């Protein structure tokens, strides 16, 4: 069976893909996790078909610039609102798992 796995990052969860040098520029995020090890793990997951989506509202609230501050996030991976997207995804049959 094939699984379609999406990781929706919202709120402080966007720190998973936040570059270390971005901490001095952004607001209300205590840590940046996109170091060499995490970036390699994200790349590995992406190679297996996992898609990472980022909440645009969370980015705006924290002054996060997609191109400058996030690790390999394309424009089409930015959602207008991550919480609303999760509701829509659940309506389409996706399961919601919160770590």
PDB file of N, CA and C in Angstrom:
ATOM      1  N   UNK A   1       0.844  -1.190   0.000  1.00  0.00           N
ATOM      2  CA  UNK A   1       0.000   0.000   0.000  1.00  0.00           C
ATOM      3  C   UNK A   1       0.878   1.239   0.000  1.00  0.00           C
ATOM      4  N   UNK A   2       0.477   2.205  -0.764  1.00  0.00           N
ATOM      5  CA  UNK A   2       1.225   3.453  -0.841  1.00  0.00           C
ATOM      6  C   UNK A   2       0.557   4.492   0.047  1.00  0.00           C
ATOM      7  N   UNK A   3       1.375   5.253   0.772  1.00  0.00           N
ATOM      8  CA  UNK A   3       0.869   6.269   1.681  1.00  0.00           C
ATOM      9  C   UNK A   3       1.265   7.638   1.143  1.00  0.00           C
ATOM     10  N   UNK A   4       0.293   8.550   1.111  1.00  0.00           N
ATOM     11  CA  UNK A   4       0.553   9.937   0.737  1.00  0.00           C
ATOM     12  C   UNK A   4       0.734  10.708   2.040  1.00  0.00           C
ATOM     13  N   UNK A   5       1.968  11.084   2.345  1.00  0.00           N
ATOM     14  CA  UNK A   5       2.274  11.714   3.622  1.00  0.00           C
ATOM     15  C   UNK A   5       2.590  13.190   3.427  1.00  0.00           C
ATOM     16  N   UNK A   6       1.835  14.028   4.133  1.00  0.00           N
ATOM     17  CA  UNK A   6       2.054  15.472   4.131  1.00  0.00           C
ATOM     18  C   UNK A   6       2.417  15.895   5.544  1.00  0.00           C
ATOM     19  N   UNK A   7       3.400  16.745   5.667  1.00  0.00           N
ATOM     20  CA  UNK A   7       3.753  17.330   6.957  1.00  0.00           C
ATOM     21  C   UNK A   7       3.399  18.803   6.863  1.00  0.00           C
ATOM     22  N   UNK A   8       2.405  19.218   7.667  1.00  0.00           N
ATOM     23  CA  UNK A   8       1.974  20.616   7.674  1.00  0.00           C
ATOM     24  C   UNK A   8       2.602  21.283   8.881  1.00  0.00           C
ATOM     25  N   UNK A   9       3.432  22.269   8.615  1.00  0.00           N
ATOM     26  CA  UNK A   9       4.131  22.983   9.681  1.00  0.00           C
ATOM     27  C   UNK A   9       3.430  24.311   9.925  1.00  0.00           C
ATOM     28  N   UNK A  10       2.919  24.489  11.137  1.00  0.00           N
ATOM     29  CA  UNK A  10       2.301  25.763  11.481  1.00  0.00           C
ATOM     30  C   UNK A  10       2.749  26.186  12.869  1.00  0.00           C
ATOM     31  N   UNK A  11       2.484  27.416  13.208  1.00  0.00           N
ATOM     32  CA  UNK A  11       2.941  27.949  14.488  1.00  0.00           C
ATOM     33  C   UNK A  11       4.452  27.818  14.594  1.00  0.00           C
ATOM     34  N   UNK A  12       4.919  27.467  15.775  1.00  0.00           N
ATOM     35  CA  UNK A  12       6.363  27.307  15.975  1.00  0.00           C
ATOM     36  C   UNK A  12       6.918  26.075  15.281  1.00  0.00           C
ATOM     37  N   UNK A  13       6.042  25.242  14.734  1.00  0.00           N
ATOM     38  CA  UNK A  13       6.478  24.068  13.989  1.00  0.00           C
ATOM     39  C   UNK A  13       7.285  24.413  12.755  1.00  0.00           C
ATOM     40  N   UNK A  14       7.138  25.651  12.274  1.00  0.00           N
ATOM     41  CA  UNK A  14       7.913  26.042  11.090  1.00  0.00           C
ATOM     42  C   UNK A  14       9.407  26.094  11.406  1.00  0.00           C
ATOM     43  N   UNK A  15       9.744  26.039  12.690  1.00  0.00           N
ATOM     44  CA  UNK A  15      11.156  26.045  13.073  1.00  0.00           C
ATOM     45  C   UNK A  15      11.898  24.822  12.547  1.00  0.00           C
ATOM     46  N   UNK A  16      11.161  23.747  12.198  1.00  0.00           N
ATOM     47  CA  UNK A  16      11.805  22.556  11.642  1.00  0.00           C
ATOM     48  C   UNK A  16      12.613  22.901  10.397  1.00  0.00           C
ATOM     49  N   UNK A  17      12.088  23.798   9.571  1.00  0.00           N
ATOM     50  CA  UNK A  17      12.760  24.161   8.321  1.00  0.00           C
ATOM     51  C   UNK A  17      13.429  25.530   8.388  1.00  0.00           C
ATOM     52  N   UNK A  18      13.495  26.112   9.571  1.00  0.00           N
ATOM     53  CA  UNK A  18      14.110  27.434   9.723  1.00  0.00           C
ATOM     54  C   UNK A  18      15.626  27.311   9.760  1.00  0.00           C
ATOM     55  N   UNK A  19      16.289  28.038   8.874  1.00  0.00           N
ATOM     56  CA  UNK A  19      17.757  28.045   8.821  1.00  0.00           C
ATOM     57  C   UNK A  19      18.307  28.698  10.088  1.00  0.00           C
ATOM     58  N   UNK A  20      19.458  28.205  10.547  1.00  0.00           N
ATOM     59  CA  UNK A  20      20.069  28.708  11.781  1.00  0.00           C
ATOM     60  C   UNK A  20      20.328  30.217  11.742  1.00  0.00           C
ATOM     61  N   UNK A  21      20.788  30.726  10.609  1.00  0.00           N
ATOM     62  CA  UNK A  21      21.111  32.157  10.533  1.00  0.00           C
ATOM     63  C   UNK A  21      19.866  33.037  10.495  1.00  0.00           C
ATOM     64  N   UNK A  22      18.687  32.458  10.400  1.00  0.00           N
ATOM     65  CA  UNK A  22      17.449  33.238  10.347  1.00  0.00           C
ATOM     66  C   UNK A  22      16.973  33.668  11.733  1.00  0.00           C
ATOM     67  N   UNK A  23      17.474  33.040  12.777  1.00  0.00           N
ATOM     68  CA  UNK A  23      16.993  33.351  14.128  1.00  0.00           C
ATOM     69  C   UNK A  23      17.142  34.820  14.491  1.00  0.00           C
ATOM     70  N   UNK A  24      18.165  35.462  14.001  1.00  0.00           N
ATOM     71  CA  UNK A  24      18.372  36.877  14.330  1.00  0.00           C
ATOM     72  C   UNK A  24      17.390  37.794  13.594  1.00  0.00           C
ATOM     73  N   UNK A  25      16.718  37.275  12.566  1.00  0.00           N
ATOM     74  CA  UNK A  25      15.809  38.101  11.761  1.00  0.00           C
ATOM     75  C   UNK A  25      14.332  37.887  12.075  1.00  0.00           C
ATOM     76  N   UNK A  26      13.970  36.720  12.545  1.00  0.00           N
ATOM     77  CA  UNK A  26      12.560  36.394  12.726  1.00  0.00           C
ATOM     78  C   UNK A  26      12.089  36.720  14.143  1.00  0.00           C
ATOM     79  N   UNK A  27      10.764  36.716  14.313  1.00  0.00           N
ATOM     80  CA  UNK A  27      10.199  37.028  15.623  1.00  0.00           C
ATOM     81  C   UNK A  27       9.526  35.778  16.209  1.00  0.00           C
ATOM     82  N   UNK A  28       9.552  35.684  17.517  1.00  0.00           N
ATOM     83  CA  UNK A  28       8.772  34.699  18.264  1.00  0.00           C
ATOM     84  C   UNK A  28       9.070  33.246  17.923  1.00  0.00           C
ATOM     85  N   UNK A  29      10.293  32.951  17.533  1.00  0.00           N
ATOM     86  CA  UNK A  29      10.720  31.567  17.370  1.00  0.00           C
ATOM     87  C   UNK A  29      12.009  31.401  18.158  1.00  0.00           C
ATOM     88  N   UNK A  30      12.018  30.436  19.056  1.00  0.00           N
ATOM     89  CA  UNK A  30      13.152  30.261  19.946  1.00  0.00           C
ATOM     90  C   UNK A  30      14.289  29.430  19.408  1.00  0.00           C
ATOM     91  N   UNK A  31      14.005  28.649  18.339  1.00  0.00           N
ATOM     92  CA  UNK A  31      15.082  27.825  17.809  1.00  0.00           C
ATOM     93  C   UNK A  31      14.879  27.591  16.320  1.00  0.00           C
ATOM     94  N   UNK A  32      15.997  27.345  15.667  1.00  0.00           N
ATOM     95  CA  UNK A  32      15.994  26.996  14.245  1.00  0.00           C
ATOM     96  C   UNK A  32      16.567  25.595  14.139  1.00  0.00           C
ATOM     97  N   UNK A  33      15.851  24.713  13.484  1.00  0.00           N
ATOM     98  CA  UNK A  33      16.242  23.309  13.476  1.00  0.00           C
ATOM     99  C   UNK A  33      16.882  22.834  12.177  1.00  0.00           C
ATOM    100  N   UNK A  34      16.920  23.667  11.154  1.00  0.00           N
ATOM    101  CA  UNK A  34      17.420  23.229   9.852  1.00  0.00           C
ATOM    102  C   UNK A  34      18.947  23.217   9.824  1.00  0.00           C
ATOM    103  N   UNK A  35      19.527  22.422  10.723  1.00  0.00           N
ATOM    104  CA  UNK A  35      20.971  22.244  10.686  1.00  0.00           C
ATOM    105  C   UNK A  35      21.290  21.151   9.662  1.00  0.00           C
ATOM    106  N   UNK A  36      22.534  20.777   9.552  1.00  0.00           N
ATOM    107  CA  UNK A  36      22.957  19.807   8.534  1.00  0.00           C
ATOM    108  C   UNK A  36      22.247  18.457   8.705  1.00  0.00           C
ATOM    109  N   UNK A  37      22.123  17.986   9.928  1.00  0.00           N
ATOM    110  CA  UNK A  37      21.500  16.681  10.176  1.00  0.00           C
ATOM    111  C   UNK A  37      20.007  16.704   9.837  1.00  0.00           C
ATOM    112  N   UNK A  38      19.287  17.702  10.332  1.00  0.00           N
ATOM    113  CA  UNK A  38      17.844  17.783  10.068  1.00  0.00           C
ATOM    114  C   UNK A  38      17.592  17.988   8.578  1.00  0.00           C
ATOM    115  N   UNK A  39      18.382  18.828   7.946  1.00  0.00           N
ATOM    116  CA  UNK A  39      18.218  19.064   6.508  1.00  0.00           C
ATOM    117  C   UNK A  39      18.407  17.767   5.715  1.00  0.00           C
ATOM    118  N   UNK A  40      19.383  16.961   6.117  1.00  0.00           N
ATOM    119  CA  UNK A  40      19.611  15.675   5.445  1.00  0.00           C
ATOM    120  C   UNK A  40      18.426  14.740   5.653  1.00  0.00           C
ATOM    121  N   UNK A  41      17.864  14.738   6.859  1.00  0.00           N
ATOM    122  CA  UNK A  41      16.702  13.890   7.132  1.00  0.00           C
ATOM    123  C   UNK A  41      15.484  14.357   6.330  1.00  0.00           C
ATOM    124  N   UNK A  42      15.297  15.672   6.231  1.00  0.00           N
ATOM    125  CA  UNK A  42      14.199  16.218   5.433  1.00  0.00           C
ATOM    126  C   UNK A  42      14.387  15.849   3.969  1.00  0.00           C
ATOM    127  N   UNK A  43      15.610  15.973   3.473  1.00  0.00           N
ATOM    128  CA  UNK A  43      15.895  15.593   2.081  1.00  0.00           C
ATOM    129  C   UNK A  43      15.584  14.114   1.844  1.00  0.00           C
ATOM    130  N   UNK A  44      15.945  13.269   2.797  1.00  0.00           N
ATOM    131  CA  UNK A  44      15.685  11.835   2.689  1.00  0.00           C
ATOM    132  C   UNK A  44      14.180  11.569   2.635  1.00  0.00           C
ATOM    133  N   UNK A  45      13.429  12.223   3.495  1.00  0.00           N
ATOM    134  CA  UNK A  45      11.974  12.055   3.490  1.00  0.00           C
ATOM    135  C   UNK A  45      11.365  12.564   2.188  1.00  0.00           C
ATOM    136  N   UNK A  46      11.842  13.699   1.719  1.00  0.00           N
ATOM    137  CA  UNK A  46      11.339  14.234   0.449  1.00  0.00           C
ATOM    138  C   UNK A  46      11.622  13.261  -0.695  1.00  0.00           C
ATOM    139  N   UNK A  47      12.770  12.642  -0.682  1.00  0.00           N
ATOM    140  CA  UNK A  47      13.130  11.676  -1.725  1.00  0.00           C
ATOM    141  C   UNK A  47      12.192  10.468  -1.703  1.00  0.00           C
ATOM    142  N   UNK A  48      11.595  10.199  -0.546  1.00  0.00           N
ATOM    143  CA  UNK A  48      10.647   9.099  -0.414  1.00  0.00           C
ATOM    144  C   UNK A  48       9.210   9.540  -0.692  1.00  0.00           C
ATOM    145  N   UNK A  49       9.035  10.803  -1.064  1.00  0.00           N
ATOM    146  CA  UNK A  49       7.711  11.295  -1.429  1.00  0.00           C
ATOM    147  C   UNK A  49       6.972  12.078  -0.364  1.00  0.00           C
ATOM    148  N   UNK A  50       7.586  12.286   0.792  1.00  0.00           N
ATOM    149  CA  UNK A  50       6.941  13.079   1.838  1.00  0.00           C
ATOM    150  C   UNK A  50       6.964  14.542   1.414  1.00  0.00           C
ATOM    151  N   UNK A  51       5.815  15.211   1.550  1.00  0.00           N
ATOM    152  CA  UNK A  51       5.725  16.630   1.195  1.00  0.00           C
ATOM    153  C   UNK A  51       5.610  17.471   2.455  1.00  0.00           C
ATOM    154  N   UNK A  52       6.390  18.540   2.502  1.00  0.00           N
ATOM    155  CA  UNK A  52       6.369  19.471   3.628  1.00  0.00           C
ATOM    156  C   UNK A  52       5.658  20.741   3.176  1.00  0.00           C
ATOM    157  N   UNK A  53       4.621  21.126   3.928  1.00  0.00           N
ATOM    158  CA  UNK A  53       3.852  22.324   3.637  1.00  0.00           C
ATOM    159  C   UNK A  53       3.965  23.255   4.836  1.00  0.00           C
ATOM    160  N   UNK A  54       4.024  24.563   4.574  1.00  0.00           N
ATOM    161  CA  UNK A  54       4.271  25.538   5.631  1.00  0.00           C
ATOM    162  C   UNK A  54       3.128  26.551   5.663  1.00  0.00           C
ATOM    163  N   UNK A  55       2.669  26.878   6.848  1.00  0.00           N
ATOM    164  CA  UNK A  55       1.589  27.844   7.047  1.00  0.00           C
ATOM    165  C   UNK A  55       2.082  29.263   6.772  1.00  0.00           C
ATOM    166  N   UNK A  56       1.502  29.898   5.780  1.00  0.00           N
ATOM    167  CA  UNK A  56       1.876  31.268   5.437  1.00  0.00           C
ATOM    168  C   UNK A  56       1.514  32.257   6.531  1.00  0.00           C
ATOM    169  N   UNK A  57       0.395  32.030   7.228  1.00  0.00           N
ATOM    170  CA  UNK A  57       0.002  32.917   8.322  1.00  0.00           C
ATOM    171  C   UNK A  57       1.039  32.879   9.442  1.00  0.00           C
ATOM    172  N   UNK A  58       1.555  31.699   9.741  1.00  0.00           N
ATOM    173  CA  UNK A  58       2.600  31.563  10.765  1.00  0.00           C
ATOM    174  C   UNK A  58       3.881  32.257  10.318  1.00  0.00           C
ATOM    175  N   UNK A  59       4.183  32.158   9.036  1.00  0.00           N
ATOM    176  CA  UNK A  59       5.376  32.833   8.508  1.00  0.00           C
ATOM    177  C   UNK A  59       5.237  34.348   8.643  1.00  0.00           C
ATOM    178  N   UNK A  60       4.079  34.868   8.246  1.00  0.00           N
ATOM    179  CA  UNK A  60       3.860  36.319   8.320  1.00  0.00           C
ATOM    180  C   UNK A  60       3.923  36.823   9.766  1.00  0.00           C
ATOM    181  N   UNK A  61       3.325  36.070  10.683  1.00  0.00           N
ATOM    182  CA  UNK A  61       3.300  36.477  12.091  1.00  0.00           C
ATOM    183  C   UNK A  61       4.697  36.515  12.696  1.00  0.00           C
ATOM    184  N   UNK A  62       5.626  35.791  12.101  1.00  0.00           N
ATOM    185  CA  UNK A  62       6.991  35.702  12.636  1.00  0.00           C
ATOM    186  C   UNK A  62       8.033  36.358  11.731  1.00  0.00           C
ATOM    187  N   UNK A  63       7.564  37.057  10.715  1.00  0.00           N
ATOM    188  CA  UNK A  63       8.459  37.729   9.754  1.00  0.00           C
ATOM    189  C   UNK A  63       9.436  36.764   9.095  1.00  0.00           C
ATOM    190  N   UNK A  64       8.964  35.582   8.740  1.00  0.00           N
ATOM    191  CA  UNK A  64       9.793  34.577   8.085  1.00  0.00           C
ATOM    192  C   UNK A  64       9.678  34.752   6.576  1.00  0.00           C
ATOM    193  N   UNK A  65      10.797  34.887   5.917  1.00  0.00           N
ATOM    194  CA  UNK A  65      10.845  34.986   4.460  1.00  0.00           C
ATOM    195  C   UNK A  65      11.150  33.596   3.896  1.00  0.00           C
ATOM    196  N   UNK A  66      10.285  33.120   3.033  1.00  0.00           N
ATOM    197  CA  UNK A  66      10.418  31.764   2.502  1.00  0.00           C
ATOM    198  C   UNK A  66      11.781  31.523   1.865  1.00  0.00           C
ATOM    199  N   UNK A  67      12.195  32.378   0.969  1.00  0.00           N
ATOM    200  CA  UNK A  67      13.439  32.160   0.222  1.00  0.00           C
ATOM    201  C   UNK A  67      14.677  32.307   1.093  1.00  0.00           C
ATOM    202  N   UNK A  68      14.665  33.257   1.989  1.00  0.00           N
ATOM    203  CA  UNK A  68      15.850  33.573   2.774  1.00  0.00           C
ATOM    204  C   UNK A  68      15.970  32.728   4.034  1.00  0.00           C
ATOM    205  N   UNK A  69      14.828  32.408   4.673  1.00  0.00           N
ATOM    206  CA  UNK A  69      14.866  31.843   6.018  1.00  0.00           C
ATOM    207  C   UNK A  69      14.555  30.351   6.118  1.00  0.00           C
ATOM    208  N   UNK A  70      13.906  29.780   5.104  1.00  0.00           N
ATOM    209  CA  UNK A  70      13.474  28.384   5.207  1.00  0.00           C
ATOM    210  C   UNK A  70      14.294  27.477   4.299  1.00  0.00           C
ATOM    211  N   UNK A  71      14.482  26.258   4.737  1.00  0.00           N
ATOM    212  CA  UNK A  71      15.264  25.278   3.996  1.00  0.00           C
ATOM    213  C   UNK A  71      14.426  24.667   2.877  1.00  0.00           C
ATOM    214  N   UNK A  72      14.761  25.027   1.653  1.00  0.00           N
ATOM    215  CA  UNK A  72      14.180  24.449   0.433  1.00  0.00           C
ATOM    216  C   UNK A  72      12.655  24.386   0.451  1.00  0.00           C
ATOM    217  N   UNK A  73      12.021  25.515   0.684  1.00  0.00           N
ATOM    218  CA  UNK A  73      10.564  25.597   0.618  1.00  0.00           C
ATOM    219  C   UNK A  73      10.199  26.403  -0.612  1.00  0.00           C
ATOM    220  N   UNK A  74       9.467  25.765  -1.520  1.00  0.00           N
ATOM    221  CA  UNK A  74       9.035  26.422  -2.748  1.00  0.00           C
ATOM    222  C   UNK A  74       7.717  27.151  -2.504  1.00  0.00           C
ATOM    223  N   UNK A  75       7.413  28.097  -3.356  1.00  0.00           N
ATOM    224  CA  UNK A  75       6.207  28.906  -3.195  1.00  0.00           C
ATOM    225  C   UNK A  75       4.942  28.051  -3.104  1.00  0.00           C
ATOM    226  N   UNK A  76       4.879  26.989  -3.899  1.00  0.00           N
ATOM    227  CA  UNK A  76       3.680  26.144  -3.891  1.00  0.00           C
ATOM    228  C   UNK A  76       3.552  25.311  -2.620  1.00  0.00           C
ATOM    229  N   UNK A  77       4.564  25.311  -1.772  1.00  0.00           N
ATOM    230  CA  UNK A  77       4.509  24.588  -0.509  1.00  0.00           C
ATOM    231  C   UNK A  77       4.004  25.461   0.631  1.00  0.00           C
ATOM    232  N   UNK A  78       3.738  26.727   0.348  1.00  0.00           N
ATOM    233  CA  UNK A  78       3.249  27.650   1.373  1.00  0.00           C
ATOM    234  C   UNK A  78       1.727  27.710   1.285  1.00  0.00           C
ATOM    235  N   UNK A  79       1.087  27.388   2.394  1.00  0.00           N
ATOM    236  CA  UNK A  79      -0.369  27.414   2.492  1.00  0.00           C
ATOM    237  C   UNK A  79      -0.814  28.772   3.031  1.00  0.00           C
ATOM    238  N   UNK A  80      -1.966  29.240   2.608  1.00  0.00           N
ATOM    239  CA  UNK A  80      -2.479  30.494   3.153  1.00  0.00           C
ATOM    240  C   UNK A  80      -2.661  30.365   4.662  1.00  0.00           C
ATOM    241  N   UNK A  81      -3.270  29.258   5.093  1.00  0.00           N
ATOM    242  CA  UNK A  81      -3.505  29.023   6.505  1.00  0.00           C
ATOM    243  C   UNK A  81      -3.379  27.523   6.773  1.00  0.00           C
ATOM    244  N   UNK A  82      -2.415  27.144   7.561  1.00  0.00           N
ATOM    245  CA  UNK A  82      -2.142  25.738   7.820  1.00  0.00           C
ATOM    246  C   UNK A  82      -3.266  25.015   8.526  1.00  0.00           C
ATOM    247  N   UNK A  83      -3.913  25.661   9.494  1.00  0.00           N
ATOM    248  CA  UNK A  83      -5.004  25.014  10.226  1.00  0.00           C
ATOM    249  C   UNK A  83      -6.189  24.736   9.305  1.00  0.00           C
ATOM    250  N   UNK A  84      -6.561  25.708   8.482  1.00  0.00           N
ATOM    251  CA  UNK A  84      -7.658  25.486   7.539  1.00  0.00           C
ATOM    252  C   UNK A  84      -7.301  24.404   6.536  1.00  0.00           C
ATOM    253  N   UNK A  85      -6.059  24.390   6.100  1.00  0.00           N
ATOM    254  CA  UNK A  85      -5.621  23.354   5.157  1.00  0.00           C
ATOM    255  C   UNK A  85      -5.743  21.972   5.787  1.00  0.00           C
ATOM    256  N   UNK A  86      -5.424  21.860   7.073  1.00  0.00           N
ATOM    257  CA  UNK A  86      -5.534  20.565   7.736  1.00  0.00           C
ATOM    258  C   UNK A  86      -6.985  20.103   7.803  1.00  0.00           C
ATOM    259  N   UNK A  87      -7.910  21.021   8.028  1.00  0.00           N
ATOM    260  CA  UNK A  87      -9.333  20.669   8.041  1.00  0.00           C
ATOM    261  C   UNK A  87      -9.741  20.155   6.665  1.00  0.00           C
ATOM    262  N   UNK A  88      -9.344  20.863   5.619  1.00  0.00           N
ATOM    263  CA  UNK A  88      -9.680  20.440   4.253  1.00  0.00           C
ATOM    264  C   UNK A  88      -9.050  19.091   3.913  1.00  0.00           C
ATOM    265  N   UNK A  89      -7.813  18.892   4.342  1.00  0.00           N
ATOM    266  CA  UNK A  89      -7.148  17.614   4.084  1.00  0.00           C
ATOM    267  C   UNK A  89      -7.866  16.466   4.793  1.00  0.00           C
ATOM    268  N   UNK A  90      -8.321  16.706   6.019  1.00  0.00           N
ATOM    269  CA  UNK A  90      -9.065  15.670   6.737  1.00  0.00           C
ATOM    270  C   UNK A  90     -10.377  15.351   6.026  1.00  0.00           C
ATOM    271  N   UNK A  91     -11.010  16.371   5.460  1.00  0.00           N
ATOM    272  CA  UNK A  91     -12.250  16.149   4.711  1.00  0.00           C
ATOM    273  C   UNK A  91     -11.998  15.320   3.452  1.00  0.00           C
ATOM    274  N   UNK A  92     -10.764  15.367   2.973  1.00  0.00           N
ATOM    275  CA  UNK A  92     -10.386  14.585   1.782  1.00  0.00           C
ATOM    276  C   UNK A  92      -9.920  13.175   2.151  1.00  0.00           C
ATOM    277  N   UNK A  93      -9.922  12.860   3.442  1.00  0.00           N
ATOM    278  CA  UNK A  93      -9.552  11.511   3.852  1.00  0.00           C
ATOM    279  C   UNK A  93      -8.212  11.391   4.550  1.00  0.00           C
ATOM    280  N   UNK A  94      -7.457  12.471   4.664  1.00  0.00           N
ATOM    281  CA  UNK A  94      -6.175  12.416   5.368  1.00  0.00           C
ATOM    282  C   UNK A  94      -6.442  12.282   6.872  1.00  0.00           C
ATOM    283  N   UNK A  95      -5.560  11.590   7.559  1.00  0.00           N
ATOM    284  CA  UNK A  95      -5.626  11.488   9.016  1.00  0.00           C
ATOM    285  C   UNK A  95      -4.734  12.556   9.624  1.00  0.00           C
ATOM    286  N   UNK A  96      -5.140  13.098  10.763  1.00  0.00           N
ATOM    287  CA  UNK A  96      -4.375  14.126  11.454  1.00  0.00           C
ATOM    288  C   UNK A  96      -3.612  13.468  12.601  1.00  0.00           C
ATOM    289  N   UNK A  97      -2.307  13.565  12.555  1.00  0.00           N
ATOM    290  CA  UNK A  97      -1.443  13.046  13.606  1.00  0.00           C
ATOM    291  C   UNK A  97      -0.605  14.199  14.135  1.00  0.00           C
ATOM    292  N   UNK A  98      -0.693  14.464  15.411  1.00  0.00           N
ATOM    293  CA  UNK A  98       0.098  15.544  15.991  1.00  0.00           C
ATOM    294  C   UNK A  98       1.175  14.939  16.874  1.00  0.00           C
ATOM    295  N   UNK A  99       2.440  15.314  16.614  1.00  0.00           N
ATOM    296  CA  UNK A  99       3.521  14.737  17.420  1.00  0.00           C
ATOM    297  C   UNK A  99       3.489  15.222  18.857  1.00  0.00           C
TER     298      UNK A  99
END
